[in-house]
N, C-alpha and C. Protein backbone atom coordinates (compact mmCIF):
# COMPACT_ATOMS: atom_id res chain seq x y z
N MET A 1 0.85 -1.18 0.00
CA MET A 1 0.00 0.00 0.00
C MET A 1 0.89 1.24 0.00
N ALA A 2 0.64 2.14 -0.89
CA ALA A 2 1.41 3.38 -0.99
C ALA A 2 0.91 4.41 0.01
N VAL A 3 1.85 5.14 0.59
CA VAL A 3 1.52 6.25 1.48
C VAL A 3 1.76 7.52 0.68
N LYS A 4 0.75 8.36 0.56
CA LYS A 4 0.85 9.56 -0.27
C LYS A 4 1.08 10.79 0.58
N GLY A 5 1.92 11.67 0.05
CA GLY A 5 2.19 12.94 0.71
C GLY A 5 2.77 13.93 -0.27
N ILE A 6 2.89 15.16 0.17
CA ILE A 6 3.42 16.22 -0.67
C ILE A 6 4.37 17.09 0.13
N ASP A 7 5.17 17.87 -0.60
CA ASP A 7 5.93 18.91 0.06
C ASP A 7 5.51 20.24 -0.53
N VAL A 8 5.49 21.26 0.30
CA VAL A 8 5.07 22.59 -0.13
C VAL A 8 6.09 23.62 0.33
N SER A 9 6.11 24.73 -0.38
CA SER A 9 6.99 25.85 -0.03
C SER A 9 6.20 27.14 -0.23
N SER A 10 6.87 28.24 -0.15
CA SER A 10 6.17 29.52 -0.33
C SER A 10 5.65 29.69 -1.75
N HIS A 11 6.09 28.83 -2.67
CA HIS A 11 5.60 28.90 -4.06
C HIS A 11 4.18 28.36 -4.20
N GLN A 12 3.73 27.57 -3.23
CA GLN A 12 2.37 27.04 -3.26
C GLN A 12 1.48 27.89 -2.36
N GLU A 13 0.80 28.84 -2.97
CA GLU A 13 -0.11 29.68 -2.19
C GLU A 13 -1.25 28.84 -1.64
N SER A 14 -1.68 27.86 -2.41
CA SER A 14 -2.71 26.94 -1.95
C SER A 14 -2.31 25.53 -2.40
N PHE A 15 -2.84 24.54 -1.73
CA PHE A 15 -2.58 23.15 -2.10
C PHE A 15 -3.71 22.29 -1.57
N ASP A 16 -3.88 21.12 -2.16
CA ASP A 16 -4.94 20.19 -1.78
C ASP A 16 -4.31 19.03 -1.02
N ALA A 17 -4.58 18.93 0.27
CA ALA A 17 -4.03 17.87 1.10
C ALA A 17 -5.00 16.70 1.24
N ASP A 18 -6.17 16.78 0.63
CA ASP A 18 -7.14 15.70 0.73
C ASP A 18 -6.54 14.40 0.18
N GLY A 19 -6.67 13.34 0.93
CA GLY A 19 -6.14 12.05 0.50
C GLY A 19 -4.67 11.85 0.78
N MET A 20 -4.01 12.86 1.33
CA MET A 20 -2.60 12.77 1.66
C MET A 20 -2.43 12.32 3.11
N ALA A 21 -1.39 11.56 3.38
CA ALA A 21 -1.09 11.13 4.74
C ALA A 21 -0.16 12.11 5.44
N PHE A 22 0.68 12.78 4.65
CA PHE A 22 1.64 13.71 5.24
C PHE A 22 1.89 14.90 4.33
N VAL A 23 2.36 15.97 4.93
CA VAL A 23 2.79 17.17 4.21
C VAL A 23 4.09 17.63 4.85
N PHE A 24 5.14 17.78 4.03
CA PHE A 24 6.38 18.38 4.48
C PHE A 24 6.38 19.83 4.03
N VAL A 25 6.65 20.74 4.95
CA VAL A 25 6.64 22.17 4.68
C VAL A 25 8.07 22.69 4.69
N LYS A 26 8.47 23.33 3.60
CA LYS A 26 9.80 23.96 3.57
C LYS A 26 9.76 25.15 4.51
N ALA A 27 10.58 25.11 5.55
CA ALA A 27 10.59 26.17 6.56
C ALA A 27 11.63 27.24 6.25
N THR A 28 12.82 26.80 5.87
CA THR A 28 13.93 27.73 5.65
C THR A 28 14.80 27.25 4.50
N GLU A 29 15.64 28.18 4.01
CA GLU A 29 16.60 27.86 2.95
C GLU A 29 17.83 28.73 3.14
N GLY A 30 18.99 28.10 2.97
CA GLY A 30 20.23 28.86 3.08
C GLY A 30 20.39 29.47 4.46
N ARG A 31 20.94 30.66 4.47
CA ARG A 31 21.20 31.33 5.74
C ARG A 31 20.15 32.36 6.12
N THR A 32 19.34 32.78 5.15
CA THR A 32 18.47 33.93 5.44
C THR A 32 16.99 33.74 5.12
N TYR A 33 16.63 32.78 4.26
CA TYR A 33 15.24 32.67 3.81
C TYR A 33 14.38 31.93 4.83
N THR A 34 13.22 32.49 5.13
CA THR A 34 12.20 31.84 5.95
C THR A 34 10.88 31.88 5.19
N ASN A 35 10.22 30.74 5.11
CA ASN A 35 8.93 30.63 4.43
C ASN A 35 7.87 31.35 5.26
N SER A 36 7.39 32.46 4.77
CA SER A 36 6.39 33.25 5.50
C SER A 36 5.03 32.56 5.57
N ARG A 37 4.82 31.52 4.77
CA ARG A 37 3.54 30.81 4.75
C ARG A 37 3.55 29.51 5.55
N GLN A 38 4.66 29.20 6.19
CA GLN A 38 4.79 27.87 6.80
C GLN A 38 3.75 27.58 7.89
N ARG A 39 3.41 28.55 8.70
CA ARG A 39 2.41 28.30 9.75
C ARG A 39 1.04 28.01 9.15
N ALA A 40 0.65 28.81 8.18
CA ALA A 40 -0.65 28.61 7.53
C ALA A 40 -0.67 27.28 6.77
N GLN A 41 0.44 26.93 6.12
CA GLN A 41 0.51 25.67 5.39
C GLN A 41 0.43 24.48 6.34
N ALA A 42 1.10 24.57 7.48
CA ALA A 42 1.04 23.48 8.47
C ALA A 42 -0.37 23.35 9.03
N LYS A 43 -1.02 24.46 9.29
CA LYS A 43 -2.39 24.42 9.81
C LYS A 43 -3.33 23.78 8.80
N ARG A 44 -3.20 24.17 7.54
CA ARG A 44 -4.05 23.59 6.50
C ARG A 44 -3.86 22.07 6.43
N ALA A 45 -2.61 21.64 6.50
CA ALA A 45 -2.32 20.20 6.45
C ALA A 45 -2.88 19.48 7.67
N ARG A 46 -2.69 20.05 8.85
CA ARG A 46 -3.22 19.42 10.08
C ARG A 46 -4.74 19.37 10.05
N ASP A 47 -5.36 20.44 9.56
CA ASP A 47 -6.82 20.47 9.45
C ASP A 47 -7.33 19.38 8.52
N ALA A 48 -6.50 18.97 7.55
CA ALA A 48 -6.87 17.90 6.62
C ALA A 48 -6.52 16.52 7.19
N GLY A 49 -5.98 16.49 8.42
CA GLY A 49 -5.66 15.22 9.06
C GLY A 49 -4.30 14.65 8.73
N CYS A 50 -3.43 15.47 8.17
CA CYS A 50 -2.10 15.01 7.76
C CYS A 50 -1.09 15.14 8.89
N VAL A 51 -0.10 14.26 8.86
CA VAL A 51 1.09 14.41 9.69
C VAL A 51 1.92 15.50 9.02
N VAL A 52 2.48 16.42 9.81
CA VAL A 52 3.24 17.55 9.25
C VAL A 52 4.69 17.46 9.68
N GLY A 53 5.58 17.70 8.72
CA GLY A 53 7.01 17.80 8.99
C GLY A 53 7.53 19.07 8.34
N PHE A 54 8.66 19.53 8.82
CA PHE A 54 9.30 20.73 8.27
C PHE A 54 10.70 20.37 7.80
N TYR A 55 11.20 21.11 6.79
CA TYR A 55 12.57 20.85 6.35
C TYR A 55 13.29 22.14 6.03
N HIS A 56 14.62 22.06 6.09
CA HIS A 56 15.51 23.15 5.72
C HIS A 56 16.22 22.75 4.45
N PHE A 57 16.32 23.66 3.48
CA PHE A 57 17.04 23.41 2.23
C PHE A 57 18.40 24.07 2.34
N LEU A 58 19.45 23.28 2.19
CA LEU A 58 20.82 23.77 2.35
C LEU A 58 21.53 23.77 1.00
N TRP A 59 22.14 24.88 0.66
CA TRP A 59 22.95 25.00 -0.55
C TRP A 59 24.42 24.76 -0.21
N PRO A 60 25.20 24.22 -1.18
CA PRO A 60 26.64 24.10 -0.94
C PRO A 60 27.20 25.49 -0.59
N GLY A 61 28.08 25.53 0.35
CA GLY A 61 28.65 26.81 0.75
C GLY A 61 27.92 27.47 1.90
N ASN A 62 26.78 26.92 2.32
CA ASN A 62 26.04 27.49 3.45
C ASN A 62 26.60 27.07 4.80
N ILE A 63 27.53 26.16 4.79
CA ILE A 63 28.08 25.66 6.06
C ILE A 63 29.26 26.51 6.47
């Protein structure tokens, strides 16, 4: 049985979480970027009954 999920970032103003088991939300990128929509995206996913995770996107040279 496949487990379905999606990842979202600030590029997805809206998304459909219906039928998804999980949603990963891009929280940050590099040294300075923060997703201003992450709280609303997490709430939308939780309201749809999804497990929510967050991730950081790291570019080479950010360390």
